N, C-alpha and C. Protein backbone atom coordinates (compact mmCIF):
# COMPACT_ATOMS: atom_id res chain seq x y z
N MET A 1 107.14 76.99 109.86
CA MET A 1 108.22 77.80 109.32
C MET A 1 107.66 79.07 108.68
N CYS A 2 106.61 78.92 107.87
CA CYS A 2 105.99 80.10 107.25
C CYS A 2 104.53 79.78 106.95
N SER A 3 103.78 80.80 106.61
CA SER A 3 102.37 80.57 106.29
C SER A 3 102.26 79.92 104.92
N ALA A 4 101.07 79.51 104.57
CA ALA A 4 100.87 78.76 103.32
C ALA A 4 100.87 79.65 102.08
N GLU A 5 100.89 80.96 102.26
CA GLU A 5 100.88 81.85 101.11
C GLU A 5 102.25 81.88 100.44
N PRO A 6 102.30 81.78 99.13
CA PRO A 6 103.60 81.75 98.44
C PRO A 6 104.39 83.04 98.61
N ILE A 7 103.70 84.16 98.78
CA ILE A 7 104.43 85.42 98.92
C ILE A 7 105.25 85.45 100.20
N ASN A 8 104.81 84.70 101.21
CA ASN A 8 105.56 84.64 102.47
C ASN A 8 106.55 83.49 102.48
N CYS A 9 106.26 82.41 101.80
CA CYS A 9 107.14 81.24 101.84
C CYS A 9 108.39 81.39 100.98
N PHE A 10 108.31 82.10 99.88
CA PHE A 10 109.44 82.18 98.97
C PHE A 10 110.67 82.82 99.62
N PRO A 11 110.54 83.97 100.33
CA PRO A 11 111.74 84.51 100.98
C PRO A 11 112.33 83.58 102.03
N VAL A 12 111.49 82.86 102.76
CA VAL A 12 111.99 81.93 103.76
C VAL A 12 112.72 80.78 103.08
N LEU A 13 112.18 80.28 101.99
CA LEU A 13 112.83 79.20 101.25
C LEU A 13 114.18 79.64 100.70
N VAL A 14 114.24 80.84 100.13
CA VAL A 14 115.50 81.35 99.60
C VAL A 14 116.52 81.51 100.72
N ASN A 15 116.06 81.97 101.87
CA ASN A 15 116.96 82.14 103.01
C ASN A 15 117.52 80.79 103.46
N ILE A 16 116.68 79.79 103.56
CA ILE A 16 117.13 78.46 103.97
C ILE A 16 118.14 77.90 102.98
N LEU A 17 117.84 78.02 101.69
CA LEU A 17 118.76 77.50 100.67
C LEU A 17 120.08 78.26 100.66
N SER A 18 120.02 79.58 100.80
CA SER A 18 121.25 80.38 100.79
C SER A 18 122.13 80.04 101.98
N ASN A 19 121.53 79.91 103.15
CA ASN A 19 122.33 79.56 104.33
C ASN A 19 122.88 78.14 104.24
N THR A 20 122.14 77.25 103.60
CA THR A 20 122.64 75.89 103.41
C THR A 20 123.86 75.89 102.50
N PHE A 21 123.80 76.65 101.40
CA PHE A 21 124.95 76.73 100.51
C PHE A 21 126.15 77.40 101.18
N LEU A 22 125.88 78.40 102.02
CA LEU A 22 126.98 79.03 102.75
C LEU A 22 127.66 78.04 103.69
N ARG A 23 126.86 77.21 104.35
CA ARG A 23 127.44 76.21 105.26
C ARG A 23 128.21 75.15 104.48
N LEU A 24 127.73 74.80 103.29
CA LEU A 24 128.44 73.80 102.48
C LEU A 24 129.83 74.28 102.09
N PHE A 25 129.97 75.59 101.88
CA PHE A 25 131.26 76.14 101.49
C PHE A 25 132.07 76.62 102.69
N ASN A 26 131.71 76.16 103.89
CA ASN A 26 132.42 76.46 105.13
C ASN A 26 132.52 77.95 105.42
N SER A 27 131.48 78.66 105.16
CA SER A 27 131.45 80.09 105.43
C SER A 27 130.83 80.34 106.79
N THR A 28 131.30 81.38 107.46
CA THR A 28 130.71 81.73 108.75
C THR A 28 129.64 82.81 108.60
N ALA A 29 129.48 83.33 107.39
CA ALA A 29 128.47 84.37 107.16
C ALA A 29 127.08 83.74 107.15
N ARG A 30 126.09 84.55 107.47
CA ARG A 30 124.71 84.10 107.45
C ARG A 30 123.86 85.17 106.78
N ILE A 31 122.80 84.74 106.15
CA ILE A 31 121.84 85.65 105.54
C ILE A 31 120.58 85.63 106.39
N ARG A 32 120.11 86.81 106.77
CA ARG A 32 118.90 86.89 107.58
C ARG A 32 117.82 87.65 106.82
N ILE A 33 116.58 87.27 107.05
CA ILE A 33 115.45 87.98 106.46
C ILE A 33 114.53 88.43 107.58
N TRP A 34 113.68 89.40 107.27
CA TRP A 34 112.68 89.85 108.24
C TRP A 34 111.40 90.15 107.49
N SER A 35 110.33 90.29 108.22
CA SER A 35 109.02 90.40 107.58
C SER A 35 108.52 91.83 107.44
N GLU A 36 109.32 92.83 107.78
CA GLU A 36 108.89 94.20 107.58
C GLU A 36 109.04 94.57 106.12
N LEU A 37 108.05 95.26 105.57
CA LEU A 37 108.12 95.62 104.16
C LEU A 37 109.17 96.67 103.90
N PHE A 38 109.26 97.65 104.78
CA PHE A 38 110.20 98.74 104.61
C PHE A 38 110.98 98.92 105.90
N TYR A 39 112.11 99.56 105.78
CA TYR A 39 112.90 99.86 106.96
C TYR A 39 112.10 100.81 107.85
N SER A 40 111.92 100.45 109.09
CA SER A 40 111.13 101.31 109.99
C SER A 40 112.05 102.07 110.93
N THR A 41 111.72 103.29 111.16
CA THR A 41 112.49 104.14 112.06
C THR A 41 111.52 104.92 112.92
N GLN A 42 111.97 105.29 114.08
CA GLN A 42 111.13 106.05 115.00
C GLN A 42 111.37 107.55 114.89
N ARG A 43 112.41 107.95 114.17
CA ARG A 43 112.72 109.38 114.07
C ARG A 43 111.86 110.02 112.99
N PRO A 44 111.08 111.04 113.32
CA PRO A 44 110.17 111.64 112.32
C PRO A 44 110.91 112.37 111.20
N GLU A 45 112.11 112.92 111.47
CA GLU A 45 112.81 113.65 110.41
C GLU A 45 113.27 112.71 109.31
N VAL A 46 113.61 111.48 109.65
CA VAL A 46 114.00 110.50 108.63
C VAL A 46 112.78 110.11 107.80
N LYS A 47 111.65 109.92 108.47
CA LYS A 47 110.42 109.58 107.74
C LYS A 47 110.02 110.70 106.78
N SER A 48 110.12 111.95 107.23
CA SER A 48 109.74 113.05 106.36
C SER A 48 110.71 113.18 105.19
N ASN A 49 112.00 112.93 105.41
CA ASN A 49 112.97 112.98 104.30
C ASN A 49 112.67 111.91 103.26
N ILE A 50 112.36 110.72 103.71
CA ILE A 50 112.02 109.63 102.79
C ILE A 50 110.75 109.97 102.03
N PHE A 51 109.76 110.51 102.73
CA PHE A 51 108.49 110.86 102.10
C PHE A 51 108.70 111.92 101.02
N PHE A 52 109.43 112.99 101.33
CA PHE A 52 109.63 114.06 100.36
C PHE A 52 110.50 113.60 99.18
N THR A 53 111.41 112.69 99.40
CA THR A 53 112.19 112.15 98.30
C THR A 53 111.30 111.35 97.36
N CYS A 54 110.42 110.54 97.92
CA CYS A 54 109.50 109.75 97.08
C CYS A 54 108.52 110.64 96.34
N VAL A 55 108.00 111.66 97.00
CA VAL A 55 107.06 112.58 96.35
C VAL A 55 107.75 113.31 95.21
N SER A 56 109.00 113.79 95.42
CA SER A 56 109.70 114.49 94.35
C SER A 56 109.94 113.58 93.16
N TYR A 57 110.30 112.33 93.42
CA TYR A 57 110.53 111.39 92.33
C TYR A 57 109.24 111.17 91.53
N VAL A 58 108.13 111.00 92.22
CA VAL A 58 106.86 110.79 91.53
C VAL A 58 106.47 112.02 90.72
N LEU A 59 106.69 113.21 91.26
CA LEU A 59 106.35 114.43 90.51
C LEU A 59 107.22 114.59 89.27
N ILE A 60 108.50 114.28 89.37
CA ILE A 60 109.37 114.36 88.19
C ILE A 60 108.95 113.34 87.15
N LEU A 61 108.60 112.15 87.60
CA LEU A 61 108.15 111.12 86.68
C LEU A 61 106.82 111.52 86.02
N ALA A 62 105.91 112.07 86.80
CA ALA A 62 104.61 112.47 86.26
C ALA A 62 104.75 113.62 85.28
N ALA A 63 105.75 114.48 85.47
CA ALA A 63 105.96 115.60 84.55
C ALA A 63 106.51 115.11 83.21
N GLY A 64 107.19 113.98 83.19
CA GLY A 64 107.78 113.49 81.95
C GLY A 64 106.89 112.58 81.14
N LEU A 65 105.81 112.08 81.71
CA LEU A 65 104.96 111.14 80.97
C LEU A 65 104.09 111.78 79.89
N PRO A 66 103.40 112.89 80.12
CA PRO A 66 102.55 113.45 79.06
C PRO A 66 103.30 113.80 77.77
N PRO A 67 104.51 114.41 77.83
CA PRO A 67 105.22 114.65 76.56
C PRO A 67 105.56 113.36 75.82
N HIS A 68 105.83 112.31 76.56
CA HIS A 68 106.14 111.02 75.91
C HIS A 68 104.95 110.53 75.10
N PHE A 69 103.76 110.62 75.67
CA PHE A 69 102.57 110.18 74.95
C PHE A 69 102.25 111.10 73.78
N ALA A 70 102.51 112.39 73.93
CA ALA A 70 102.25 113.34 72.84
C ALA A 70 103.18 113.08 71.67
N VAL A 71 104.44 112.84 71.93
CA VAL A 71 105.40 112.57 70.86
C VAL A 71 105.05 111.25 70.18
N SER A 72 104.64 110.28 70.95
CA SER A 72 104.28 108.99 70.38
C SER A 72 103.09 109.12 69.43
N SER A 73 102.08 109.88 69.83
CA SER A 73 100.91 110.03 68.96
C SER A 73 101.24 110.86 67.72
N MET A 74 102.18 111.82 67.83
CA MET A 74 102.57 112.59 66.66
C MET A 74 103.33 111.72 65.66
N GLU A 75 104.15 110.82 66.16
CA GLU A 75 104.86 109.92 65.26
C GLU A 75 103.88 108.98 64.55
N ASP A 76 102.85 108.54 65.26
CA ASP A 76 101.83 107.72 64.62
C ASP A 76 101.08 108.49 63.55
N TYR A 77 100.84 109.79 63.79
CA TYR A 77 100.13 110.63 62.82
C TYR A 77 101.00 110.83 61.57
N LYS A 78 102.31 110.99 61.76
CA LYS A 78 103.20 111.22 60.64
C LYS A 78 103.28 110.01 59.71
N VAL A 79 103.31 108.81 60.29
CA VAL A 79 103.42 107.63 59.46
C VAL A 79 102.04 107.11 59.06
N LYS A 80 101.00 107.80 59.46
CA LYS A 80 99.60 107.48 59.13
C LYS A 80 99.24 106.06 59.53
N SER A 81 99.57 105.73 60.77
CA SER A 81 99.22 104.39 61.25
C SER A 81 97.85 104.37 61.88
């Protein structure tokens, strides 16, 4: 069913349990899992859009971290900790 590594077995176990509960409640829906880490696409423009979105998010996050540490150290200096 799955390899012996827990990182691979847990999603399969959750899938089996979820589908079992769905069948118990007479549902026709099913939950499916797959082993790809990310959604894969063959179109390069979609890949570039995803890449630039991730890069912009990381740059915005990186720009906000140094002021946070500076303010934190100034507050420590004020209370003489």
